[in-house]
Amino acid sequence: MTDITFTVQDTETKGRIVAHVPGHDDTAEITFSKSSPTLVIVDHTGVPDSMSGEGVGLALVERMVGLARERGYKTVPLCPFYKAMIARHPDWADVIP
């Protein structure tokens, strides 16, 4: 899905990426906690039922991987969905400690 737009919101200790999908009032998100300036724990991916099957969860993971690369983060995959997606994409291994 190419029409998804993302908003990154973060503070000193936490962050989230919010996905906005045209035609949906709901939003999806992936959340993370900052352990250090270079290590974050990805702890939750949430996609409403109304967006199920549209690739929004994978798009959020792709954006999280991109953010990690942009900011020099390593990501600890606590979230089961994030962990499963990382395992399926060996080309994302550079964002795992």
Protein backbone atom coordinates (compact mmCIF):
# COMPACT_ATOMS: atom_id res chain seq x y z
CA MET A 1 0.00 0.00 0.00
CA THR A 2 1.68 3.21 -1.13
CA ASP A 3 -0.79 5.82 0.13
CA ILE A 4 0.11 5.35 3.80
CA THR A 5 1.58 8.41 5.48
CA PHE A 6 3.53 8.21 8.70
CA THR A 7 3.99 10.52 11.65
CA VAL A 8 6.88 9.95 14.05
CA GLN A 9 6.20 11.11 17.59
CA ASP A 10 8.81 10.75 20.27
CA THR A 11 10.05 12.01 23.59
CA GLU A 12 13.24 11.42 25.57
CA THR A 13 12.17 7.90 26.56
CA LYS A 14 9.43 6.69 24.21
CA GLY A 15 8.30 6.94 20.64
CA ARG A 16 5.75 5.79 18.14
CA ILE A 17 5.13 5.79 14.45
CA VAL A 18 1.52 6.42 13.48
CA ALA A 19 0.19 5.23 10.12
CA HIS A 20 -2.56 7.21 8.43
CA VAL A 21 -4.42 5.35 5.69
CA PRO A 22 -6.74 7.17 3.25
CA GLY A 23 -10.36 6.19 3.76
CA HIS A 24 -9.86 5.22 7.41
CA ASP A 25 -10.60 7.33 10.45
CA ASP A 26 -8.56 4.95 12.64
CA THR A 27 -4.79 4.94 12.78
CA ALA A 28 -2.28 2.14 13.27
CA GLU A 29 0.91 2.39 15.30
CA ILE A 30 4.19 0.83 16.27
CA THR A 31 5.61 1.89 19.64
CA PHE A 32 9.09 1.79 21.11
CA SER A 33 10.99 2.64 24.28
CA LYS A 34 14.44 4.22 24.20
CA SER A 35 16.98 2.31 26.31
CA SER A 36 19.90 4.46 25.18
CA PRO A 37 20.68 6.92 22.38
CA THR A 38 21.37 3.95 20.09
CA LEU A 39 19.08 1.19 21.41
CA VAL A 40 15.29 1.04 21.30
CA ILE A 41 12.85 -1.68 22.29
CA VAL A 42 10.02 -2.16 19.82
CA ASP A 43 7.21 -3.20 22.12
CA HIS A 44 3.90 -3.02 20.24
CA THR A 45 2.37 -2.96 16.78
CA GLY A 46 -1.32 -2.15 16.66
CA VAL A 47 -3.47 -2.28 13.54
CA PRO A 48 -7.24 -1.85 13.82
CA ASP A 49 -9.47 -4.57 12.40
CA SER A 50 -10.70 -2.08 9.79
CA MET A 51 -7.21 -2.13 8.22
CA SER A 52 -6.59 -5.85 8.52
CA GLY A 53 -5.10 -7.45 5.42
CA GLU A 54 -4.04 -4.14 3.84
CA GLY A 55 -0.33 -4.43 4.61
CA VAL A 56 -0.35 -1.67 7.21
CA GLY A 57 1.50 -3.71 9.84
CA LEU A 58 4.31 -4.56 7.43
CA ALA A 59 4.48 -0.93 6.30
CA LEU A 60 4.90 0.14 9.94
CA VAL A 61 7.73 -2.35 10.43
CA GLU A 62 9.40 -1.13 7.23
CA ARG A 63 9.16 2.45 8.48
CA MET A 64 10.57 1.43 11.88
CA VAL A 65 13.53 -0.24 10.16
CA GLY A 66 14.04 2.92 8.10
CA LEU A 67 13.88 5.10 11.20
CA ALA A 68 16.38 2.87 12.98
CA ARG A 69 18.78 3.18 10.07
CA GLU A 70 18.29 6.96 9.82
CA ARG A 71 18.91 7.50 13.52
CA GLY A 72 21.56 4.83 14.09
CA TYR A 73 19.33 2.73 16.36
CA LYS A 74 19.54 -0.96 17.03
CA THR A 75 16.10 -2.40 17.80
CA VAL A 76 15.22 -5.10 20.32
CA PRO A 77 12.14 -6.90 18.95
CA LEU A 78 9.91 -7.40 21.99
CA CYS A 79 6.72 -7.09 19.90
CA PRO A 80 5.85 -10.53 18.44
CA PHE A 81 4.77 -9.09 15.07
CA TYR A 82 7.91 -6.98 14.70
CA LYS A 83 10.04 -9.96 15.72
CA ALA A 84 8.35 -12.20 13.13
CA MET A 85 8.79 -9.66 10.34
CA ILE A 86 12.46 -9.09 11.20
CA ALA A 87 13.01 -12.87 11.12
CA ARG A 88 11.48 -13.05 7.62
CA HIS A 89 13.72 -10.29 6.25
CA PRO A 90 17.41 -11.09 6.74
CA ASP A 91 18.25 -7.81 4.98
CA TRP A 92 16.99 -6.03 8.12
CA ALA A 93 19.48 -7.81 10.41
CA ASP A 94 21.56 -4.63 10.61
CA VAL A 95 18.98 -3.06 12.95
CA ILE A 96 19.16 -5.92 15.46
CA PRO A 97 21.88 -5.90 18.14
